[in-house]
Amino acid sequence: MTFCTHCGAKLTGGASFCINCGAKTDAQEGMRASVQPVANSGRELVSQSTQREPVAAAVNSSAPGRIFLWIGGTILILAFAGIVGAVYVSHRVRERISAEIQGSTTGTERTRKVPDSGDGHTTNAPPFGGKHDAPQNDGGDPNVAKGLDAIGGLMDRMGLGDRPANPYQELPVVESDTINKNLCDPHDEAKELPESGAKPAGPSGIPMVKGLMLVHAWGRKFGDSEAMDSVSKITDKYVEVSNNGTFFQNPDDEHGHPDSALRYVCTDDLQTAHGLSTGFDTNGPRTLPGTTTINLSQTLFHELKESGKIDFRYLDYYRMQDLPEGEGYLHWAGGVLTRVESGDVSLQVIVNGAPTTLPAIHASGTVLVESKKARELSKSPSDQPLATELYVLDDSANPLVLLFKQNINNFRIQVTEIHFPLPKPETTIEQDLLKNKKAVVYGIYFDYNSDQIKKESEPVLREIAEAMKSNPDWKLTVDGHTDSIGGDAYNLSLSRRRAAAVKQALVDRFQIGGDHLLTDGFGMRRPVDHNDTLEGRARNRRVELSRE
């Protein structure tokens, strides 16, 4: 009996090929296996000594061809990976910049250029960006971006992905142990100034005093958002400014979250700083040396007034994923702003509840990130030249920034209301009700698209309550009014809920009898101004009181 020398199978007499493995057998016809099959195994086996040598010979005979095939296949795979990788890395550089810009900020949205998106204050948006820039994708086709991300994920797992260089590596870093420090008063030696020592108001009549509050508004897809900057303390070394606004994770969020932050502005900076920083970040630094926040420094104001131009700087704070938790970059941009009109321009602002026209100096120009590395490496729009406009109150005693905007994400921060304490309590509401049986009331604020009343509404609610207590026989109707964003049905419901919230606040906080108050709402149906401007919509958002 003969056996196949390749697989050990039993051969049929005279067969030219093994029926088991197909090996040629005519040259091996007389060869006998070196071992016999194992009787109880159920399988025919061949020893390692008879099997190894023929297999090795077969491999060696085809080795050159297989090596060439392997090398050629590897080259093709690497070439394809290189082409796809180049496209992918280019896409990821842009996408990562935008994504990190979008996710780094937390705090009120005005911080950047989200506001506008954003709260104008925060902010909360990089690793390598910082102004809430919308994510980019190739050709505007989301399927392209998804495909590249899928390829990129595979390449990352293969170790072929490449993280883009950090364009902000040269920027100053705010370390975590200084975030909450008051750098204007490091030894806690400041003395709070008495209210009697406050500087007198200038020609605008708006003083820089404790209790001064600026309401900033900026347009959003689902309605104007408002934030309040209040002067909460004035000392001989710094001014404390508190911010109460709304944090939005993304520019198109329909709902936000109430958010607050604090800033210390050094007295020296109020005099000489060339920088402005409008952003407030709950987890960001409380002191940004070289900047002011709600007004221009005396130096900048007088230079603009006298020469018609200023060397202007704007500062953003970027918290990045590549830094330790709690740390961030100081992103400075600068340029020359030049006065546009030879005289003042007029801005409509509600001052202590009354629509008022304020004189402002208008300047414009282009600012650019100061870091050369950021200019070279970053593709973010925030690191490209940005058209910038500034409107400042023409009052040397208190040069408030009334409007600041840049050509990125509709970033526009505008003061729509100003309130400040008066020597005597306000009685305007009572006088209007006595004289006209009607009072138009501003100064009652609500959370974004909500009927929740903000704490800044307390002074006006108290004034209404005092008027009713002085006239116990009065019965008032509280009417709510809104702007037009969101449509008729939505705003009608919102205005009625807000009117009901005002009534409830008067009953709960000031013990006004509920039977003396009726409520109604008219939504957008009774505007007192245009709805196509921020200031117009601010006037339309109001409460009206009428008595029987």
Protein backbone atom coordinates (compact mmCIF):
# COMPACT_ATOMS: atom_id res chain seq x y z
CA MET A 1 0.00 0.00 0.00
CA THR A 2 1.25 3.43 -0.85
CA PHE A 3 0.53 6.81 0.81
CA CYS A 4 0.70 10.36 -0.47
CA THR A 5 3.93 11.99 0.60
CA HIS A 6 2.19 15.41 0.87
CA CYS A 7 -0.88 14.67 2.97
CA GLY A 8 -0.47 11.05 4.05
CA ALA A 9 -3.68 9.86 2.48
CA LYS A 10 -3.90 6.30 1.11
CA LEU A 11 -3.35 6.20 -2.65
CA THR A 12 -5.37 4.18 -5.12
CA GLY A 13 -3.17 1.94 -7.18
CA GLY A 14 -2.06 3.52 -10.47
CA ALA A 15 -3.43 6.99 -9.59
CA SER A 16 -1.43 9.90 -10.97
CA PHE A 17 -2.80 12.42 -8.40
CA CYS A 18 -3.82 12.18 -4.75
CA ILE A 19 -7.59 12.43 -4.53
CA ASN A 20 -7.25 14.13 -1.12
CA CYS A 21 -4.77 16.95 -1.78
CA GLY A 22 -4.26 16.81 -5.58
CA ALA A 23 -0.49 16.26 -5.38
CA LYS A 24 1.18 14.52 -8.30
CA THR A 25 2.05 10.91 -7.46
CA ASP A 26 3.63 9.29 -10.52
CA ALA A 27 7.15 10.15 -9.36
CA GLN A 28 6.38 8.85 -5.91
CA GLU A 29 4.66 5.61 -6.94
CA GLY A 30 6.98 3.23 -5.13
CA MET A 31 7.53 5.35 -2.07
CA ARG A 32 6.21 3.92 1.18
CA ALA A 33 5.17 5.92 4.15
CA SER A 34 7.60 5.97 7.01
CA VAL A 35 4.78 5.36 9.46
CA GLN A 36 1.54 3.46 9.38
CA PRO A 37 -1.83 5.06 10.21
CA VAL A 38 -2.79 5.09 13.86
CA ALA A 39 -5.41 2.45 14.21
CA ASN A 40 -7.68 4.12 16.75
CA SER A 41 -7.42 7.72 15.57
CA GLY A 42 -9.91 7.52 12.76
CA ARG A 43 -7.46 9.63 10.68
CA GLU A 44 -4.38 8.84 8.57
CA LEU A 45 -1.30 10.70 9.86
CA VAL A 46 2.16 11.29 8.43
CA SER A 47 5.23 12.04 10.49
CA GLN A 48 6.72 15.53 10.73
CA SER A 49 9.90 14.29 9.08
CA THR A 50 8.15 13.22 5.88
CA GLN A 51 5.82 16.29 5.71
CA ARG A 52 8.08 19.26 6.48
CA GLU A 53 10.55 18.97 3.61
CA PRO A 54 8.15 18.91 0.64
CA VAL A 55 6.14 21.84 2.07
CA ALA A 56 9.29 23.89 2.47
CA ALA A 57 10.22 23.16 -1.11
CA ALA A 58 6.82 24.35 -2.31
CA VAL A 59 7.12 27.62 -0.41
CA ASN A 60 10.60 28.33 -1.61
CA SER A 61 9.62 27.73 -5.23
CA SER A 62 6.99 30.57 -5.13
CA ALA A 63 8.68 32.93 -2.62
CA PRO A 64 9.95 35.59 -5.11
CA GLY A 65 6.49 36.05 -6.69
CA ARG A 66 4.74 36.29 -3.35
CA ILE A 67 7.26 38.81 -2.05
CA PHE A 68 6.73 41.03 -5.12
CA LEU A 69 2.96 40.79 -4.71
CA TRP A 70 3.22 41.67 -1.04
CA ILE A 71 5.47 44.67 -1.71
CA GLY A 72 3.26 45.94 -4.54
CA GLY A 73 0.11 45.61 -2.45
CA THR A 74 1.70 47.43 0.45
CA ILE A 75 2.76 50.33 -1.80
CA LEU A 76 -0.76 50.66 -3.21
CA ILE A 77 -2.31 50.63 0.27
CA LEU A 78 0.14 53.28 1.55
CA ALA A 79 -0.43 55.47 -1.52
CA PHE A 80 -4.20 55.32 -1.03
CA ALA A 81 -3.83 56.00 2.69
CA GLY A 82 -1.61 58.99 1.94
CA ILE A 83 -4.14 60.56 -0.43
CA VAL A 84 -7.08 59.97 1.90
CA GLY A 85 -4.99 61.05 4.88
CA ALA A 86 -4.11 64.38 3.27
CA VAL A 87 -7.78 65.13 2.62
CA TYR A 88 -8.76 63.92 6.07
CA VAL A 89 -6.10 65.87 7.95
CA SER A 90 -7.04 69.04 6.07
CA HIS A 91 -10.67 68.53 7.04
CA ARG A 92 -9.85 67.64 10.64
CA VAL A 93 -7.67 70.71 11.11
CA ARG A 94 -10.60 72.93 10.24
CA GLU A 95 -13.12 70.79 12.08
CA ARG A 96 -11.10 70.50 15.27
CA ILE A 97 -10.46 74.22 15.32
CA SER A 98 -14.16 74.91 15.02
CA ALA A 99 -15.19 72.17 17.43
CA GLU A 100 -12.85 73.33 20.14
CA ILE A 101 -13.92 76.89 19.63
CA GLN A 102 -17.50 75.72 20.04
CA GLY A 103 -16.92 73.72 23.19
CA SER A 104 -14.36 75.60 25.25
CA THR A 105 -16.38 78.46 26.64
CA THR A 106 -18.74 78.18 29.49
CA GLY A 107 -20.40 81.20 30.83
CA THR A 108 -22.76 83.63 29.37
CA GLU A 109 -22.81 83.47 25.66
CA ARG A 110 -21.86 87.07 25.15
CA THR A 111 -18.35 85.99 25.67
CA ARG A 112 -18.05 85.37 22.26
CA LYS A 113 -18.73 85.73 19.39
CA VAL A 114 -21.21 83.52 20.29
CA PRO A 115 -23.07 86.10 21.38
CA ASP A 116 -23.96 85.66 18.31
CA SER A 117 -24.78 83.93 18.70
CA GLY A 118 -23.84 84.79 22.06
CA ASP A 119 -24.38 86.07 25.69
CA GLY A 120 -22.11 88.43 24.54
CA HIS A 121 -20.75 87.47 27.75
CA THR A 122 -18.91 84.25 27.95
CA THR A 123 -18.22 83.60 26.33
CA ASN A 124 -18.81 79.47 27.37
CA ALA A 125 -16.72 78.71 23.27
CA PRO A 126 -11.54 76.16 22.08
CA PRO A 127 -8.59 73.40 21.56
CA PHE A 128 -7.79 75.63 18.81
CA GLY A 129 -10.40 78.30 18.35
CA GLY A 130 -12.44 80.34 20.69
CA LYS A 131 -15.38 82.29 19.44
CA HIS A 132 -18.17 79.85 18.99
CA ASP A 133 -17.51 79.48 15.30
CA ALA A 134 -19.92 77.14 13.58
CA PRO A 135 -18.35 73.81 12.52
CA GLN A 136 -17.27 73.74 8.89
CA ASN A 137 -17.67 70.93 6.39
CA ASP A 138 -16.40 70.43 2.89
CA GLY A 139 -18.57 71.86 0.15
CA GLY A 140 -21.46 72.30 2.55
CA ASP A 141 -22.28 68.56 2.21
CA PRO A 142 -22.65 66.84 5.61
CA ASN A 143 -22.17 63.42 3.98
CA VAL A 144 -18.64 64.43 2.98
CA ALA A 145 -17.81 65.37 6.54
CA LYS A 146 -19.29 62.14 7.89
CA GLY A 147 -17.32 60.09 5.37
CA LEU A 148 -14.08 61.84 6.22
CA ASP A 149 -14.73 61.38 9.93
CA ALA A 150 -15.24 57.65 9.38
CA ILE A 151 -12.00 57.39 7.41
CA GLY A 152 -10.28 59.52 10.01
CA GLY A 153 -11.42 57.31 12.83
CA LEU A 154 -9.99 54.27 11.03
CA MET A 155 -6.71 56.09 10.40
CA ASP A 156 -6.51 57.17 14.04
CA ARG A 157 -6.88 53.53 15.11
CA MET A 158 -4.14 52.60 12.64
CA GLY A 159 -1.88 55.26 14.16
CA LEU A 160 -1.94 57.34 10.95
CA GLY A 161 -4.00 60.27 12.30
CA ASP A 162 -2.27 63.57 12.98
CA ARG A 163 -3.36 66.24 15.46
CA PRO A 164 -2.98 69.78 14.09
CA ALA A 165 -0.45 72.11 15.64
CA ASN A 166 -1.76 74.37 18.39
CA PRO A 167 -1.94 77.88 16.92
CA TYR A 168 -2.21 79.37 20.42
CA GLN A 169 0.97 77.87 21.84
CA GLU A 170 2.59 81.31 22.13
CA LEU A 171 -0.32 83.00 23.92
CA PRO A 172 -0.09 83.90 27.62
CA VAL A 173 -1.70 81.31 29.89
CA VAL A 174 -3.85 82.11 32.92
CA GLU A 175 -2.96 79.49 35.51
CA SER A 176 -5.61 77.91 37.67
CA ASP A 177 -4.30 79.34 40.94
CA THR A 178 -4.87 82.91 39.71
CA ILE A 179 -8.37 82.45 38.26
CA ASN A 180 -10.26 83.71 41.30
CA LYS A 181 -7.68 86.20 42.54
CA ASN A 182 -8.31 89.91 42.60
CA LEU A 183 -5.10 91.05 40.93
CA CYS A 184 -6.09 94.70 41.46
CA ASP A 185 -5.90 94.18 45.21
CA PRO A 186 -3.67 91.15 45.90
CA HIS A 187 -3.22 91.98 49.59
CA ASP A 188 -6.87 92.81 50.26
CA GLU A 189 -6.14 96.41 51.19
CA ALA A 190 -8.81 98.18 49.13
CA LYS A 191 -11.29 100.49 50.82
CA GLU A 192 -14.83 100.80 49.55
CA LEU A 193 -15.68 104.37 48.64
CA PRO A 194 -18.77 105.94 50.23
CA GLU A 195 -21.64 106.79 47.93
CA SER A 196 -21.18 110.42 48.85
CA GLY A 197 -17.70 110.27 47.35
CA ALA A 198 -18.90 109.19 43.91
CA LYS A 199 -17.98 111.39 40.98
CA PRO A 200 -20.78 113.67 39.81
CA ALA A 201 -22.62 112.75 36.65
CA GLY A 202 -21.43 114.25 33.40
CA PRO A 203 -23.54 115.77 30.62
CA SER A 204 -25.39 112.49 30.00
CA GLY A 205 -26.63 112.46 33.57
CA ILE A 206 -25.53 108.82 33.99
CA PRO A 207 -23.12 108.52 36.94
CA MET A 208 -20.54 105.84 37.62
CA VAL A 209 -22.01 104.71 40.93
CA LYS A 210 -22.72 101.55 42.87
CA GLY A 211 -25.98 100.15 41.54
CA LEU A 212 -25.45 101.32 37.95
CA MET A 213 -26.83 98.57 35.70
CA LEU A 214 -26.50 98.13 31.94
CA VAL A 215 -28.82 95.75 30.11
CA HIS A 216 -27.09 94.28 27.06
CA ALA A 217 -29.10 92.57 24.34
CA TRP A 218 -28.11 90.58 21.28
CA GLY A 219 -30.23 88.92 18.64
CA ARG A 220 -30.68 85.16 18.53
CA LYS A 221 -32.68 82.80 16.36
CA PHE A 222 -35.32 82.16 19.04
CA GLY A 223 -35.41 85.64 20.56
CA ASP A 224 -33.25 88.42 21.95
CA SER A 225 -31.16 87.45 24.95
CA GLU A 226 -30.39 89.92 27.72
CA ALA A 227 -27.62 90.16 30.29
CA MET A 228 -27.23 92.62 33.13
CA ASP A 229 -23.88 94.14 34.08
CA SER A 230 -24.11 95.82 37.48
CA VAL A 231 -21.56 97.87 39.39
CA SER A 232 -21.67 96.06 42.73
CA LYS A 233 -18.73 97.75 44.47
CA ILE A 234 -16.44 100.75 43.99
CA THR A 235 -13.15 100.89 45.91
CA ASP A 236 -9.98 102.92 45.73
CA LYS A 237 -8.27 100.07 43.84
CA TYR A 238 -10.93 98.48 41.65
CA VAL A 239 -14.54 98.43 40.50
CA GLU A 240 -16.46 95.18 40.90
CA VAL A 241 -18.85 94.35 38.03
CA SER A 242 -21.29 91.45 38.37
CA ASN A 243 -22.96 89.83 35.39
CA ASN A 244 -26.25 87.96 35.29
CA GLY A 245 -27.18 86.47 31.95
CA THR A 246 -27.84 83.25 30.07
CA PHE A 247 -25.45 80.55 28.99
CA PHE A 248 -26.04 78.87 25.64
CA GLN A 249 -24.03 75.82 24.64
CA ASN A 250 -24.52 76.52 20.93
CA PRO A 251 -25.56 79.54 18.85
CA ASP A 252 -28.85 77.95 17.76
CA ASP A 253 -29.95 76.62 21.16
CA GLU A 254 -33.64 77.26 21.80
CA HIS A 255 -33.14 77.28 25.57
CA GLY A 256 -30.30 78.45 27.76
CA HIS A 257 -29.40 78.33 31.44
CA PRO A 258 -29.20 81.26 33.89
CA ASP A 259 -25.58 82.12 34.50
CA SER A 260 -23.58 84.66 36.51
CA ALA A 261 -19.99 85.83 36.74
CA LEU A 262 -17.82 88.51 38.35
CA ARG A 263 -15.07 90.84 37.15
CA TYR A 264 -12.66 93.20 38.90
CA VAL A 265 -11.60 96.20 36.82
CA CYS A 266 -8.51 97.89 38.24
CA THR A 267 -8.67 101.63 38.92
CA ASP A 268 -5.45 102.13 36.94
CA ASP A 269 -7.03 100.37 33.94
CA LEU A 270 -10.06 102.65 34.13
CA GLN A 271 -7.60 105.47 33.55
CA THR A 272 -5.11 104.13 31.00
CA ALA A 273 -6.04 100.69 29.58
CA HIS A 274 -6.11 100.30 25.78
CA GLY A 275 -8.00 96.99 25.97
CA LEU A 276 -11.66 96.02 26.20
CA SER A 277 -13.05 92.63 27.25
CA THR A 278 -16.82 92.20 27.14
CA GLY A 279 -16.80 88.52 28.06
CA PHE A 280 -17.86 87.10 31.40
CA ASP A 281 -16.97 83.49 32.21
CA THR A 282 -18.22 81.77 35.35
CA ASN A 283 -15.03 79.68 35.50
CA GLY A 284 -12.74 82.28 33.95
CA PRO A 285 -10.36 84.82 35.49
CA ARG A 286 -11.93 87.56 37.58
CA THR A 287 -9.23 90.05 36.67
CA LEU A 288 -8.00 90.79 33.14
CA PRO A 289 -5.25 93.41 33.52
CA GLY A 290 -5.04 95.95 30.74
CA THR A 291 -8.78 95.94 30.04
CA THR A 292 -12.05 97.58 30.98
CA THR A 293 -15.44 95.94 30.49
CA ILE A 294 -18.42 98.33 30.42
CA ASN A 295 -16.64 101.53 29.42
CA LEU A 296 -13.53 102.88 27.73
CA SER A 297 -10.59 104.11 29.77
CA GLN A 298 -10.10 107.83 30.14
CA THR A 299 -7.00 107.65 27.94
CA LEU A 300 -8.80 105.92 25.06
CA PHE A 301 -11.83 108.18 25.29
CA HIS A 302 -9.80 111.41 25.18
CA GLU A 303 -7.61 110.11 22.33
CA LEU A 304 -10.72 109.23 20.31
CA LYS A 305 -12.34 112.55 21.12
CA GLU A 306 -9.30 114.66 20.32
CA SER A 307 -7.43 112.86 17.53
CA GLY A 308 -10.27 110.84 16.02
CA LYS A 309 -8.47 107.48 16.27
CA ILE A 310 -7.21 105.02 18.85
CA ASP A 311 -4.96 101.98 19.08
CA PHE A 312 -7.58 99.52 20.26
CA ARG A 313 -7.19 96.02 21.70
CA TYR A 314 -9.79 93.36 22.40
CA LEU A 315 -9.22 90.43 24.76
CA ASP A 316 -10.86 87.00 24.74
CA TYR A 317 -10.27 84.26 27.29
CA TYR A 318 -10.06 80.77 25.77
CA ARG A 319 -10.25 77.65 27.89
CA MET A 320 -8.70 74.81 25.92
CA GLN A 321 -8.68 71.05 26.13
CA ASP A 322 -4.90 70.91 25.76
CA LEU A 323 -4.39 72.87 29.01
CA PRO A 324 -4.81 71.64 32.58
CA GLU A 325 -8.30 72.05 33.96
CA GLY A 326 -9.04 75.61 34.99
CA GLU A 327 -6.41 77.21 32.77
CA GLY A 328 -6.85 79.24 29.59
CA TYR A 329 -5.23 81.44 26.99
CA LEU A 330 -5.36 85.23 26.74
CA HIS A 331 -6.19 85.94 23.10
CA TRP A 332 -5.39 89.54 22.20
CA ALA A 333 -6.44 91.19 18.95
CA GLY A 334 -5.59 94.77 18.04
CA GLY A 335 -5.95 97.45 15.42
CA VAL A 336 -6.69 101.12 14.79
CA LEU A 337 -10.25 102.39 15.14
CA THR A 338 -11.07 105.70 13.48
CA ARG A 339 -13.96 108.03 14.19
CA VAL A 340 -16.59 107.76 11.44
CA GLU A 341 -18.71 110.89 11.81
CA SER A 342 -17.33 114.28 12.80
CA GLY A 343 -20.12 114.75 15.32
CA ASP A 344 -22.08 112.52 17.68
CA VAL A 345 -24.64 109.98 16.54
CA SER A 346 -27.84 109.20 18.44
CA LEU A 347 -28.66 105.87 20.06
CA GLN A 348 -32.02 104.95 21.54
CA VAL A 349 -31.69 103.62 25.10
CA ILE A 350 -34.22 103.23 27.91
CA VAL A 351 -32.81 105.15 30.89
CA ASN A 352 -34.48 104.60 34.28
CA GLY A 353 -37.62 103.42 32.55
CA ALA A 354 -37.91 106.24 30.01
CA PRO A 355 -37.00 105.93 26.30
CA THR A 356 -34.06 108.33 25.80
CA THR A 357 -31.71 109.45 23.04
CA LEU A 358 -28.03 109.35 24.03
CA PRO A 359 -25.09 110.98 22.17
CA ALA A 360 -22.39 108.54 21.06
CA ILE A 361 -19.02 108.63 19.29
CA HIS A 362 -18.84 106.06 16.49
CA ALA A 363 -15.48 104.52 15.50
CA SER A 364 -14.65 101.63 13.19
CA GLY A 365 -11.67 99.72 11.87
CA THR A 366 -10.14 96.25 11.60
CA VAL A 367 -8.56 94.21 14.37
CA LEU A 368 -6.38 91.12 14.01
CA VAL A 369 -5.07 88.55 16.46
CA GLU A 370 -1.67 89.75 17.70
CA SER A 371 -0.02 86.31 17.82
CA LYS A 372 1.94 85.58 14.63
CA LYS A 373 1.62 81.84 15.24
CA ALA A 374 -2.17 82.09 15.48
CA ARG A 375 -2.30 84.07 12.24
CA GLU A 376 -0.19 81.43 10.47
CA LEU A 377 -1.76 78.24 11.81
CA SER A 378 -5.35 78.98 12.73
CA LYS A 379 -8.11 78.73 10.15
CA SER A 380 -10.72 80.04 12.59
CA PRO A 381 -12.56 83.17 11.40
CA SER A 382 -11.81 84.69 14.80
CA ASP A 383 -8.12 84.77 13.87
CA GLN A 384 -8.65 86.53 10.58
CA PRO A 385 -9.00 90.33 10.19
CA LEU A 386 -12.30 91.36 11.77
CA ALA A 387 -14.26 94.47 10.90
CA THR A 388 -15.02 96.16 14.23
CA GLU A 389 -17.36 98.97 15.27
CA LEU A 390 -17.57 100.81 18.57
CA TYR A 391 -20.13 103.30 19.90
CA VAL A 392 -19.19 105.02 23.16
CA LEU A 393 -21.24 107.43 25.24
CA ASP A 394 -19.92 110.94 24.67
CA ASP A 395 -19.41 111.67 28.36
CA SER A 396 -15.89 111.91 29.77
CA ALA A 397 -17.19 111.25 33.29
CA ASN A 398 -18.59 107.86 32.25
CA PRO A 399 -17.71 106.80 28.66
CA LEU A 400 -19.91 103.70 28.57
CA VAL A 401 -19.61 101.31 25.63
CA LEU A 402 -23.13 101.42 24.20
CA LEU A 403 -22.56 99.14 21.23
CA PHE A 404 -19.71 96.86 20.20
CA LYS A 405 -19.81 94.54 17.20
CA GLN A 406 -17.50 92.47 15.02
CA ASN A 407 -18.04 90.74 11.71
CA ILE A 408 -18.20 87.20 13.07
CA ASN A 409 -21.26 85.13 13.99
CA ASN A 410 -23.45 88.22 14.16
CA PHE A 411 -21.48 89.29 17.25
CA ARG A 412 -23.18 92.45 18.47
CA ILE A 413 -23.52 93.63 22.07
CA GLN A 414 -25.85 96.58 22.50
CA VAL A 415 -26.98 98.46 25.59
CA THR A 416 -30.77 98.71 25.45
CA GLU A 417 -31.45 99.85 29.03
CA ILE A 418 -29.56 101.72 31.75
CA HIS A 419 -30.65 102.01 35.36
CA PHE A 420 -29.00 103.80 38.25
CA PRO A 421 -30.14 104.75 41.76
CA LEU A 422 -31.57 108.19 42.37
CA PRO A 423 -31.31 110.23 45.59
CA LYS A 424 -35.05 109.90 46.11
CA PRO A 425 -37.17 106.78 45.53
CA GLU A 426 -38.87 106.60 42.15
CA THR A 427 -42.60 107.42 42.07
CA THR A 428 -43.02 107.65 38.30
CA ILE A 429 -45.35 104.67 38.13
CA GLU A 430 -47.67 106.07 40.82
CA GLN A 431 -47.71 109.50 39.20
CA ASP A 432 -48.54 108.05 35.78
CA LEU A 433 -51.37 105.98 37.25
CA LEU A 434 -52.76 108.98 39.12
CA LYS A 435 -52.58 111.25 36.10
CA ASN A 436 -53.26 108.92 33.15
CA LYS A 437 -54.70 105.81 34.81
CA LYS A 438 -51.97 103.98 32.89
CA ALA A 439 -48.24 103.34 33.27
CA VAL A 440 -45.76 101.80 30.84
CA VAL A 441 -43.26 99.80 32.88
CA TYR A 442 -39.75 98.74 31.91
CA GLY A 443 -37.30 97.15 34.30
CA ILE A 444 -39.08 93.84 34.86
CA TYR A 445 -36.82 91.16 33.42
CA PHE A 446 -37.39 87.49 32.67
CA ASP A 447 -35.17 84.54 31.91
CA TYR A 448 -34.74 83.81 28.21
CA ASN A 449 -38.09 82.85 26.62
CA SER A 450 -39.46 82.24 30.11
CA ASP A 451 -41.87 83.66 32.70
CA GLN A 452 -39.26 83.38 35.49
CA ILE A 453 -38.59 86.87 36.89
CA LYS A 454 -34.96 87.92 37.35
CA LYS A 455 -33.72 89.37 40.64
CA GLU A 456 -32.88 92.65 38.90
CA SER A 457 -36.63 93.29 38.66
CA GLU A 458 -36.94 93.85 42.41
CA PRO A 459 -36.72 97.69 42.43
CA VAL A 460 -39.55 98.09 39.91
CA LEU A 461 -41.74 95.48 41.60
CA ARG A 462 -41.24 97.32 44.88
CA GLU A 463 -42.23 100.62 43.27
CA ILE A 464 -45.47 99.08 41.98
CA ALA A 465 -46.20 97.61 45.41
CA GLU A 466 -45.58 100.94 47.15
CA ALA A 467 -47.94 102.70 44.73
CA MET A 468 -50.68 100.17 45.51
CA LYS A 469 -50.12 100.39 49.26
CA SER A 470 -50.39 104.18 49.03
CA ASN A 471 -53.66 103.77 47.16
CA PRO A 472 -55.36 100.76 48.78
CA ASP A 473 -58.57 101.16 46.80
CA TRP A 474 -56.81 100.69 43.46
CA LYS A 475 -57.45 97.67 41.29
CA LEU A 476 -54.89 97.23 38.56
CA THR A 477 -54.73 95.20 35.39
CA VAL A 478 -51.26 93.88 34.48
CA ASP A 479 -50.80 93.50 30.70
CA GLY A 480 -47.85 91.67 29.20
CA HIS A 481 -46.31 92.61 25.83
CA THR A 482 -43.54 91.00 23.78
CA ASP A 483 -41.58 91.53 20.58
CA SER A 484 -42.42 89.60 17.40
CA ILE A 485 -39.76 86.87 17.43
CA GLY A 486 -41.46 83.48 17.68
CA GLY A 487 -44.78 84.36 16.11
CA ASP A 488 -48.20 85.41 17.35
CA ALA A 489 -49.43 82.30 19.18
CA TYR A 490 -46.17 81.74 21.04
CA ASN A 491 -45.85 85.36 22.16
CA LEU A 492 -49.49 85.63 23.17
CA SER A 493 -49.04 82.71 25.57
CA LEU A 494 -45.69 84.04 26.82
CA SER A 495 -47.09 87.54 27.51
CA ARG A 496 -49.99 86.13 29.52
CA ARG A 497 -47.72 83.89 31.57
CA ARG A 498 -45.39 86.80 32.28
CA ALA A 499 -48.28 89.03 33.40
CA ALA A 500 -49.42 86.27 35.75
CA ALA A 501 -45.87 85.97 37.12
CA VAL A 502 -45.80 89.71 37.91
CA LYS A 503 -49.09 89.42 39.80
CA GLN A 504 -47.82 86.43 41.76
CA ALA A 505 -44.60 88.25 42.69
CA LEU A 506 -46.58 91.22 44.03
CA VAL A 507 -48.80 88.91 46.06
CA ASP A 508 -46.03 86.68 47.41
CA ARG A 509 -43.24 89.20 48.02
CA PHE A 510 -45.13 92.37 48.89
CA GLN A 511 -48.41 91.05 50.29
CA ILE A 512 -50.61 92.79 47.71
CA GLY A 513 -54.12 91.34 47.68
CA GLY A 514 -54.68 89.12 44.69
CA ASP A 515 -58.22 90.45 44.30
CA HIS A 516 -56.71 93.86 43.46
CA LEU A 517 -54.86 92.51 40.43
CA LEU A 518 -56.10 91.24 37.08
CA THR A 519 -53.82 90.00 34.26
CA ASP A 520 -53.89 89.83 30.50
CA GLY A 521 -51.43 89.56 27.62
CA PHE A 522 -51.29 90.80 24.05
CA GLY A 523 -48.05 89.27 22.80
CA MET A 524 -46.74 91.06 19.71
CA ARG A 525 -50.07 92.64 18.76
CA ARG A 526 -49.56 96.12 20.25
CA PRO A 527 -46.00 97.23 19.42
CA VAL A 528 -44.80 100.71 20.35
CA ASP A 529 -41.71 100.51 18.10
CA HIS A 530 -40.31 98.59 15.14
CA ASN A 531 -39.40 94.94 15.60
CA ASP A 532 -36.49 94.99 13.17
CA THR A 533 -33.94 96.48 15.61
CA LEU A 534 -32.65 95.44 19.03
CA GLU A 535 -33.63 98.75 20.59
CA GLY A 536 -37.09 98.61 19.02
CA ARG A 537 -37.76 95.10 20.29
CA ALA A 538 -36.51 96.14 23.75
CA ARG A 539 -39.18 98.86 23.86
CA ASN A 540 -41.87 96.40 22.79
CA ARG A 541 -41.01 94.00 25.63
CA ARG A 542 -42.81 95.71 28.48
CA VAL A 543 -45.51 95.56 31.13
CA GLU A 544 -48.40 98.00 31.15
CA LEU A 545 -50.50 98.81 34.21
CA SER A 546 -53.97 100.31 34.07
CA ARG A 547 -56.39 101.10 36.89
CA GLU A 548 -60.14 101.07 36.98
